[in-house]
PDB file of N, CA and C in Angstrom:
ATOM      1  N   MET A   1     149.701 116.105  60.327  1.00  0.00           N
ATOM      2  CA  MET A   1     149.577 115.575  58.986  1.00  0.00           C
ATOM      3  C   MET A   1     148.313 116.168  58.353  1.00  0.00           C
ATOM      4  N   PRO A   2     148.385 116.650  57.107  1.00  0.00           N
ATOM      5  CA  PRO A   2     147.188 117.197  56.447  1.00  0.00           C
ATOM      6  C   PRO A   2     146.102 116.143  56.319  1.00  0.00           C
ATOM      7  N   LYS A   3     144.859 116.597  56.344  1.00  0.00           N
ATOM      8  CA  LYS A   3     143.719 115.684  56.302  1.00  0.00           C
ATOM      9  C   LYS A   3     143.731 114.803  55.054  1.00  0.00           C
ATOM     10  N   SER A   4     144.168 115.350  53.919  1.00  0.00           N
ATOM     11  CA  SER A   4     144.145 114.596  52.668  1.00  0.00           C
ATOM     12  C   SER A   4     145.140 113.440  52.661  1.00  0.00           C
ATOM     13  N   THR A   5     146.186 113.491  53.467  1.00  0.00           N
ATOM     14  CA  THR A   5     147.173 112.415  53.493  1.00  0.00           C
ATOM     15  C   THR A   5     147.000 111.476  54.680  1.00  0.00           C
ATOM     16  N   LYS A   6     146.018 111.731  55.512  1.00  0.00           N
ATOM     17  CA  LYS A   6     145.828 110.920  56.713  1.00  0.00           C
ATOM     18  C   LYS A   6     145.495 109.464  56.388  1.00  0.00           C
ATOM     19  N   ASN A   7     144.755 109.232  55.324  1.00  0.00           N
ATOM     20  CA  ASN A   7     144.304 107.887  54.997  1.00  0.00           C
ATOM     21  C   ASN A   7     145.227 107.144  54.042  1.00  0.00           C
ATOM     22  N   LEU A   8     146.343 107.742  53.660  1.00  0.00           N
ATOM     23  CA  LEU A   8     147.258 107.070  52.748  1.00  0.00           C
ATOM     24  C   LEU A   8     147.847 105.833  53.404  1.00  0.00           C
ATOM     25  N   ARG A   9     147.971 104.784  52.615  1.00  0.00           N
ATOM     26  CA  ARG A   9     148.603 103.564  53.110  1.00  0.00           C
ATOM     27  C   ARG A   9     150.019 103.522  52.560  1.00  0.00           C
ATOM     28  N   ARG A  10     150.910 102.918  53.296  1.00  0.00           N
ATOM     29  CA  ARG A  10     152.314 102.897  52.904  1.00  0.00           C
ATOM     30  C   ARG A  10     152.816 101.462  52.779  1.00  0.00           C
ATOM     31  N   GLY A  11     153.542 101.243  51.694  1.00  0.00           N
ATOM     32  CA  GLY A  11     154.227  99.979  51.493  1.00  0.00           C
ATOM     33  C   GLY A  11     155.709 100.193  51.721  1.00  0.00           C
ATOM     34  N   ARG A  12     156.491  99.202  51.394  1.00  0.00           N
ATOM     35  CA  ARG A  12     157.936  99.337  51.573  1.00  0.00           C
ATOM     36  C   ARG A  12     158.517 100.435  50.692  1.00  0.00           C
ATOM     37  N   SER A  13     158.008 100.536  49.478  1.00  0.00           N
ATOM     38  CA  SER A  13     158.576 101.519  48.551  1.00  0.00           C
ATOM     39  C   SER A  13     157.499 102.346  47.845  1.00  0.00           C
ATOM     40  N   CYS A  14     156.316 102.431  48.438  1.00  0.00           N
ATOM     41  CA  CYS A  14     155.256 103.192  47.775  1.00  0.00           C
ATOM     42  C   CYS A  14     154.265 103.749  48.793  1.00  0.00           C
ATOM     43  N   VAL A  15     153.519 104.733  48.340  1.00  0.00           N
ATOM     44  CA  VAL A  15     152.424 105.312  49.111  1.00  0.00           C
ATOM     45  C   VAL A  15     151.206 105.221  48.214  1.00  0.00           C
ATOM     46  N   PHE A  16     150.088 104.742  48.736  1.00  0.00           N
ATOM     47  CA  PHE A  16     148.943 104.508  47.862  1.00  0.00           C
ATOM     48  C   PHE A  16     147.629 104.702  48.592  1.00  0.00           C
ATOM     49  N   LEU A  17     146.594 104.914  47.807  1.00  0.00           N
ATOM     50  CA  LEU A  17     145.219 104.978  48.288  1.00  0.00           C
ATOM     51  C   LEU A  17     144.330 104.568  47.111  1.00  0.00           C
ATOM     52  N   LEU A  18     144.079 103.279  46.995  1.00  0.00           N
ATOM     53  CA  LEU A  18     143.302 102.727  45.887  1.00  0.00           C
ATOM     54  C   LEU A  18     141.953 102.246  46.396  1.00  0.00           C
ATOM     55  N   HIS A  19     140.898 102.680  45.745  1.00  0.00           N
ATOM     56  CA  HIS A  19     139.542 102.249  46.086  1.00  0.00           C
ATOM     57  C   HIS A  19     138.882 101.665  44.850  1.00  0.00           C
ATOM     58  N   THR A  20     137.987 100.744  45.076  1.00  0.00           N
ATOM     59  CA  THR A  20     137.140 100.251  43.999  1.00  0.00           C
ATOM     60  C   THR A  20     135.716 100.134  44.533  1.00  0.00           C
ATOM     61  N   HIS A  21     134.772 100.456  43.679  1.00  0.00           N
ATOM     62  CA  HIS A  21     133.351 100.345  44.025  1.00  0.00           C
ATOM     63  C   HIS A  21     132.797  99.189  43.208  1.00  0.00           C
ATOM     64  N   LEU A  22     132.338  98.155  43.891  1.00  0.00           N
ATOM     65  CA  LEU A  22     131.803  96.967  43.221  1.00  0.00           C
ATOM     66  C   LEU A  22     130.319  96.848  43.519  1.00  0.00           C
ATOM     67  N   VAL A  23     129.576  96.396  42.519  1.00  0.00           N
ATOM     68  CA  VAL A  23     128.149  96.123  42.686  1.00  0.00           C
ATOM     69  C   VAL A  23     127.901  94.706  42.197  1.00  0.00           C
ATOM     70  N   PHE A  24     127.362  93.881  43.070  1.00  0.00           N
ATOM     71  CA  PHE A  24     126.984  92.520  42.705  1.00  0.00           C
ATOM     72  C   PHE A  24     125.468  92.459  42.632  1.00  0.00           C
ATOM     73  N   VAL A  25     124.966  91.949  41.499  1.00  0.00           N
ATOM     74  CA  VAL A  25     123.526  91.881  41.256  1.00  0.00           C
ATOM     75  C   VAL A  25     123.128  90.418  41.107  1.00  0.00           C
ATOM     76  N   THR A  26     121.972  90.063  41.664  1.00  0.00           N
ATOM     77  CA  THR A  26     121.496  88.685  41.530  1.00  0.00           C
ATOM     78  C   THR A  26     121.021  88.439  40.104  1.00  0.00           C
ATOM     79  N   LYS A  27     121.059  87.192  39.707  1.00  0.00           N
ATOM     80  CA  LYS A  27     120.621  86.833  38.370  1.00  0.00           C
ATOM     81  C   LYS A  27     119.141  87.165  38.213  1.00  0.00           C
ATOM     82  N   TYR A  28     118.813  87.804  37.122  1.00  0.00           N
ATOM     83  CA  TYR A  28     117.448  88.250  36.811  1.00  0.00           C
ATOM     84  C   TYR A  28     116.893  89.197  37.879  1.00  0.00           C
ATOM     85  N   ARG A  29     117.796  89.802  38.662  1.00  0.00           N
ATOM     86  CA  ARG A  29     117.415  90.747  39.717  1.00  0.00           C
ATOM     87  C   ARG A  29     116.409  90.150  40.703  1.00  0.00           C
ATOM     88  N   LYS A  30     116.539  88.841  40.936  1.00  0.00           N
ATOM     89  CA  LYS A  30     115.637  88.187  41.898  1.00  0.00           C
ATOM     90  C   LYS A  30     115.890  88.738  43.292  1.00  0.00           C
ATOM     91  N   ARG A  31     114.847  88.901  44.047  1.00  0.00           N
ATOM     92  CA  ARG A  31     114.908  89.498  45.382  1.00  0.00           C
ATOM     93  C   ARG A  31     115.182  88.395  46.415  1.00  0.00           C
ATOM     94  N   VAL A  32     116.457  88.096  46.609  1.00  0.00           N
ATOM     95  CA  VAL A  32     116.813  86.962  47.469  1.00  0.00           C
ATOM     96  C   VAL A  32     117.553  87.359  48.746  1.00  0.00           C
ATOM     97  N   PHE A  33     118.044  88.585  48.845  1.00  0.00           N
ATOM     98  CA  PHE A  33     118.818  88.989  50.022  1.00  0.00           C
ATOM     99  C   PHE A  33     117.904  89.486  51.132  1.00  0.00           C
ATOM    100  N   THR A  34     117.899  88.754  52.228  1.00  0.00           N
ATOM    101  CA  THR A  34     117.185  89.197  53.423  1.00  0.00           C
ATOM    102  C   THR A  34     118.192  89.916  54.333  1.00  0.00           C
ATOM    103  N   LYS A  35     117.729  90.485  55.419  1.00  0.00           N
ATOM    104  CA  LYS A  35     118.640  91.157  56.346  1.00  0.00           C
ATOM    105  C   LYS A  35     119.666  90.184  56.909  1.00  0.00           C
ATOM    106  N   ARG A  36     119.226  88.970  57.210  1.00  0.00           N
ATOM    107  CA  ARG A  36     120.141  87.960  57.742  1.00  0.00           C
ATOM    108  C   ARG A  36     121.215  87.591  56.710  1.00  0.00           C
ATOM    109  N   VAL A  37     120.812  87.423  55.463  1.00  0.00           N
ATOM    110  CA  VAL A  37     121.755  87.076  54.394  1.00  0.00           C
ATOM    111  C   VAL A  37     122.744  88.220  54.170  1.00  0.00           C
ATOM    112  N   LEU A  38     122.257  89.457  54.186  1.00  0.00           N
ATOM    113  CA  LEU A  38     123.144  90.608  54.013  1.00  0.00           C
ATOM    114  C   LEU A  38     124.171  90.689  55.135  1.00  0.00           C
ATOM    115  N   LYS A  39     123.761  90.377  56.352  1.00  0.00           N
ATOM    116  CA  LYS A  39     124.685  90.386  57.488  1.00  0.00           C
ATOM    117  C   LYS A  39     125.769  89.330  57.296  1.00  0.00           C
ATOM    118  N   GLU A  40     125.375  88.145  56.860  1.00  0.00           N
ATOM    119  CA  GLU A  40     126.346  87.073  56.617  1.00  0.00           C
ATOM    120  C   GLU A  40     127.272  87.426  55.458  1.00  0.00           C
ATOM    121  N   LEU A  41     126.724  88.038  54.401  1.00  0.00           N
ATOM    122  CA  LEU A  41     127.549  88.442  53.265  1.00  0.00           C
ATOM    123  C   LEU A  41     128.606  89.460  53.690  1.00  0.00           C
ATOM    124  N   ARG A  42     128.207  90.409  54.529  1.00  0.00           N
ATOM    125  CA  ARG A  42     129.167  91.415  55.014  1.00  0.00           C
ATOM    126  C   ARG A  42     130.343  90.723  55.711  1.00  0.00           C
ATOM    127  N   GLU A  43     130.046  89.748  56.564  1.00  0.00           N
ATOM    128  CA  GLU A  43     131.095  89.029  57.285  1.00  0.00           C
ATOM    129  C   GLU A  43     132.002  88.259  56.329  1.00  0.00           C
ATOM    130  N   ILE A  44     131.398  87.626  55.335  1.00  0.00           N
ATOM    131  CA  ILE A  44     132.179  86.869  54.342  1.00  0.00           C
ATOM    132  C   ILE A  44     133.069  87.812  53.544  1.00  0.00           C
ATOM    133  N   PHE A  45     132.509  88.936  53.088  1.00  0.00           N
ATOM    134  CA  PHE A  45     133.283  89.890  52.294  1.00  0.00           C
ATOM    135  C   PHE A  45     134.419  90.493  53.124  1.00  0.00           C
ATOM    136  N   GLN A  46     134.177  90.769  54.397  1.00  0.00           N
ATOM    137  CA  GLN A  46     135.234  91.301  55.257  1.00  0.00           C
ATOM    138  C   GLN A  46     136.371  90.291  55.402  1.00  0.00           C
ATOM    139  N   LYS A  47     136.030  89.025  55.551  1.00  0.00           N
ATOM    140  CA  LYS A  47     137.051  87.970  55.687  1.00  0.00           C
ATOM    141  C   LYS A  47     137.882  87.860  54.417  1.00  0.00           C
ATOM    142  N   VAL A  48     137.225  87.876  53.263  1.00  0.00           N
ATOM    143  CA  VAL A  48     137.955  87.788  51.988  1.00  0.00           C
ATOM    144  C   VAL A  48     138.865  88.996  51.820  1.00  0.00           C
ATOM    145  N   CYS A  49     138.369  90.180  52.163  1.00  0.00           N
ATOM    146  CA  CYS A  49     139.193  91.385  52.053  1.00  0.00           C
ATOM    147  C   CYS A  49     140.414  91.293  52.960  1.00  0.00           C
ATOM    148  N   GLN A  50     140.242  90.783  54.169  1.00  0.00           N
ATOM    149  CA  GLN A  50     141.374  90.624  55.081  1.00  0.00           C
ATOM    150  C   GLN A  50     142.418  89.684  54.488  1.00  0.00           C
ATOM    151  N   ASP A  51     141.962  88.615  53.819  1.00  0.00           N
ATOM    152  CA  ASP A  51     142.889  87.674  53.199  1.00  0.00           C
ATOM    153  C   ASP A  51     143.740  88.347  52.121  1.00  0.00           C
ATOM    154  N   PHE A  52     143.202  89.389  51.486  1.00  0.00           N
ATOM    155  CA  PHE A  52     143.918  90.122  50.444  1.00  0.00           C
ATOM    156  C   PHE A  52     144.594  91.382  50.978  1.00  0.00           C
ATOM    157  N   GLN A  53     144.608  91.567  52.277  1.00  0.00           N
ATOM    158  CA  GLN A  53     145.143  92.766  52.923  1.00  0.00           C
ATOM    159  C   GLN A  53     144.424  94.016  52.421  1.00  0.00           C
ATOM    160  N   ALA A  54     143.146  93.865  52.139  1.00  0.00           N
ATOM    161  CA  ALA A  54     142.293  94.968  51.710  1.00  0.00           C
ATOM    162  C   ALA A  54     141.350  95.302  52.855  1.00  0.00           C
ATOM    163  N   GLU A  55     140.641  96.412  52.708  1.00  0.00           N
ATOM    164  CA  GLU A  55     139.734  96.855  53.762  1.00  0.00           C
ATOM    165  C   GLU A  55     138.356  97.143  53.159  1.00  0.00           C
ATOM    166  N   LEU A  56     137.333  96.532  53.712  1.00  0.00           N
ATOM    167  CA  LEU A  56     135.966  96.800  53.289  1.00  0.00           C
ATOM    168  C   LEU A  56     135.527  98.092  53.974  1.00  0.00           C
ATOM    169  N   ILE A  57     135.471  99.183  53.218  1.00  0.00           N
ATOM    170  CA  ILE A  57     135.154 100.497  53.769  1.00  0.00           C
ATOM    171  C   ILE A  57     133.653 100.632  53.999  1.00  0.00           C
ATOM    172  N   GLU A  58     132.872 100.285  52.976  1.00  0.00           N
ATOM    173  CA  GLU A  58     131.415 100.377  53.082  1.00  0.00           C
ATOM    174  C   GLU A  58     130.772  99.153  52.458  1.00  0.00           C
ATOM    175  N   PHE A  59     129.630  98.781  53.027  1.00  0.00           N
ATOM    176  CA  PHE A  59     128.830  97.672  52.501  1.00  0.00           C
ATOM    177  C   PHE A  59     127.372  98.060  52.663  1.00  0.00           C
ATOM    178  N   GLU A  60     126.650  98.061  51.583  1.00  0.00           N
ATOM    179  CA  GLU A  60     125.208  98.334  51.606  1.00  0.00           C
ATOM    180  C   GLU A  60     124.537  97.337  50.681  1.00  0.00           C
ATOM    181  N   GLY A  61     123.339  96.916  51.042  1.00  0.00           N
ATOM    182  CA  GLY A  61     122.643  95.971  50.199  1.00  0.00           C
ATOM    183  C   GLY A  61     121.151  96.166  50.225  1.00  0.00           C
ATOM    184  N   GLU A  62     120.525  95.685  49.166  1.00  0.00           N
ATOM    185  CA  GLU A  62     119.075  95.633  49.082  1.00  0.00           C
ATOM    186  C   GLU A  62     118.700  94.211  48.712  1.00  0.00           C
ATOM    187  N   TYR A  63     117.456  93.999  48.360  1.00  0.00           N
ATOM    188  CA  TYR A  63     116.974  92.639  48.121  1.00  0.00           C
ATOM    189  C   TYR A  63     117.592  91.980  46.892  1.00  0.00           C
ATOM    190  N   ASP A  64     118.095  92.769  45.936  1.00  0.00           N
ATOM    191  CA  ASP A  64     118.593  92.178  44.698  1.00  0.00           C
ATOM    192  C   ASP A  64     120.014  92.587  44.326  1.00  0.00           C
ATOM    193  N   HIS A  65     120.700  93.358  45.169  1.00  0.00           N
ATOM    194  CA  HIS A  65     122.083  93.723  44.873  1.00  0.00           C
ATOM    195  C   HIS A  65     122.797  94.216  46.123  1.00  0.00           C
ATOM    196  N   VAL A  66     124.146  94.230  46.041  1.00  0.00           N
ATOM    197  CA  VAL A  66     124.974  94.769  47.119  1.00  0.00           C
ATOM    198  C   VAL A  66     126.037  95.692  46.527  1.00  0.00           C
ATOM    199  N   HIS A  67     126.398  96.721  47.304  1.00  0.00           N
ATOM    200  CA  HIS A  67     127.463  97.649  46.945  1.00  0.00           C
ATOM    201  C   HIS A  67     128.608  97.470  47.928  1.00  0.00           C
ATOM    202  N   LEU A  68     129.838  97.447  47.416  1.00  0.00           N
ATOM    203  CA  LEU A  68     131.015  97.361  48.263  1.00  0.00           C
ATOM    204  C   LEU A  68     131.984  98.466  47.866  1.00  0.00           C
ATOM    205  N   LEU A  69     132.569  99.126  48.837  1.00  0.00           N
ATOM    206  CA  LEU A  69     133.660 100.066  48.607  1.00  0.00           C
ATOM    207  C   LEU A  69     134.869  99.477  49.309  1.00  0.00           C
ATOM    208  N   ILE A  70     135.900  99.180  48.532  1.00  0.00           N
ATOM    209  CA  ILE A  70     137.054  98.454  49.052  1.00  0.00           C
ATOM    210  C   ILE A  70     138.324  99.268  48.828  1.00  0.00           C
ATOM    211  N   ASN A  71     139.142  99.364  49.863  1.00  0.00           N
ATOM    212  CA  ASN A  71     140.466  99.968  49.792  1.00  0.00           C
ATOM    213  C   ASN A  71     141.441  98.796  49.696  1.00  0.00           C
ATOM    214  N   TYR A  72     142.279  98.774  48.659  1.00  0.00           N
ATOM    215  CA  TYR A  72     143.141  97.622  48.433  1.00  0.00           C
ATOM    216  C   TYR A  72     144.564  98.056  48.097  1.00  0.00           C
ATOM    217  N   PRO A  73     145.552  97.190  48.356  1.00  0.00           N
ATOM    218  CA  PRO A  73     146.943  97.516  48.036  1.00  0.00           C
ATOM    219  C   PRO A  73     147.227  97.285  46.542  1.00  0.00           C
ATOM    220  N   PRO A  74     148.247  97.945  45.999  1.00  0.00           N
ATOM    221  CA  PRO A  74     148.544  97.826  44.572  1.00  0.00           C
ATOM    222  C   PRO A  74     149.007  96.432  44.145  1.00  0.00           C
ATOM    223  N   LYS A  75     149.461  95.623  45.074  1.00  0.00           N
ATOM    224  CA  LYS A  75     149.919  94.278  44.689  1.00  0.00           C
ATOM    225  C   LYS A  75     148.757  93.325  44.413  1.00  0.00           C
ATOM    226  N   VAL A  76     147.541  93.724  44.757  1.00  0.00           N
ATOM    227  CA  VAL A  76     146.366  92.879  44.548  1.00  0.00           C
ATOM    228  C   VAL A  76     145.758  93.175  43.174  1.00  0.00           C
ATOM    229  N   ALA A  77     145.573  92.133  42.376  1.00  0.00           N
ATOM    230  CA  ALA A  77     144.883  92.286  41.101  1.00  0.00           C
ATOM    231  C   ALA A  77     143.375  92.319  41.381  1.00  0.00           C
ATOM    232  N   ILE A  78     142.718  93.338  40.861  1.00  0.00           N
ATOM    233  CA  ILE A  78     141.270  93.480  41.095  1.00  0.00           C
ATOM    234  C   ILE A  78     140.529  92.225  40.633  1.00  0.00           C
ATOM    235  N   SER A  79     140.947  91.638  39.525  1.00  0.00           N
ATOM    236  CA  SER A  79     140.259  90.447  39.021  1.00  0.00           C
ATOM    237  C   SER A  79     140.318  89.306  40.037  1.00  0.00           C
ATOM    238  N   ASN A  80     141.448  89.132  40.712  1.00  0.00           N
ATOM    239  CA  ASN A  80     141.557  88.075  41.727  1.00  0.00           C
ATOM    240  C   ASN A  80     140.658  88.368  42.928  1.00  0.00           C
ATOM    241  N   LEU A  81     140.619  89.628  43.332  1.00  0.00           N
ATOM    242  CA  LEU A  81     139.765  90.012  44.455  1.00  0.00           C
ATOM    243  C   LEU A  81     138.293  89.781  44.125  1.00  0.00           C
ATOM    244  N   VAL A  82     137.877  90.205  42.944  1.00  0.00           N
ATOM    245  CA  VAL A  82     136.473  90.037  42.542  1.00  0.00           C
ATOM    246  C   VAL A  82     136.128  88.564  42.419  1.00  0.00           C
ATOM    247  N   ASN A  83     137.012  87.769  41.859  1.00  0.00           N
ATOM    248  CA  ASN A  83     136.748  86.328  41.746  1.00  0.00           C
ATOM    249  C   ASN A  83     136.590  85.687  43.115  1.00  0.00           C
ATOM    250  N   SER A  84     137.335  86.131  44.087  1.00  0.00           N
ATOM    251  CA  SER A  84     137.218  85.574  45.436  1.00  0.00           C
ATOM    252  C   SER A  84     135.952  86.046  46.143  1.00  0.00           C
ATOM    253  N   LEU A  85     135.475  87.248  45.801  1.00  0.00           N
ATOM    254  CA  LEU A  85     134.260  87.779  46.415  1.00  0.00           C
ATOM    255  C   LEU A  85     132.994  87.202  45.785  1.00  0.00           C
ATOM    256  N   THR A  86     133.087  86.755  44.552  1.00  0.00           N
ATOM    257  CA  THR A  86     131.917  86.282  43.826  1.00  0.00           C
ATOM    258  C   THR A  86     131.405  84.977  44.422  1.00  0.00           C
ATOM    259  N   VAL A  87     130.118  84.965  44.697  1.00  0.00           N
ATOM    260  CA  VAL A  87     129.462  83.770  45.223  1.00  0.00           C
ATOM    261  C   VAL A  87     128.753  83.103  44.059  1.00  0.00           C
ATOM    262  N   LYS A  88     129.174  81.912  43.735  1.00  0.00           N
ATOM    263  CA  LYS A  88     128.569  81.196  42.617  1.00  0.00           C
ATOM    264  C   LYS A  88     127.442  80.300  43.126  1.00  0.00           C
ATOM    265  N   PRO A  89     126.353  80.205  42.358  1.00  0.00           N
ATOM    266  CA  PRO A  89     125.237  79.350  42.793  1.00  0.00           C
ATOM    267  C   PRO A  89     125.634  77.878  42.815  1.00  0.00           C
ATOM    268  N   LEU A  90     125.029  77.144  43.716  1.00  0.00           N
ATOM    269  CA  LEU A  90     125.339  75.719  43.840  1.00  0.00           C
ATOM    270  C   LEU A  90     124.542  74.864  42.859  1.00  0.00           C
ATOM    271  N   VAL A  91     123.570  75.428  42.212  1.00  0.00           N
ATOM    272  CA  VAL A  91     122.696  74.670  41.318  1.00  0.00           C
ATOM    273  C   VAL A  91     123.297  74.554  39.954  1.00  0.00           C
TER     274      VAL A  91
END
């Protein structure tokens, strides 16, 4: 199989390779993400992606934002995925 088609995902009646790059930023760019929090966020994001039959390809974070690269199937609405990934403050 050619290298360019190796990563294609297949559905019942389609072939696809959809990626989205998401960046979540803290309010007022406050520096609240520690290494421990980033590790927990990665686990949470992976679980949510699994629930949507999506795959978290990459996750990187700093003190005030995180980057996610997600491979998702065409039946998933990006808005629903983002809403499920969004962590709302409890205050």
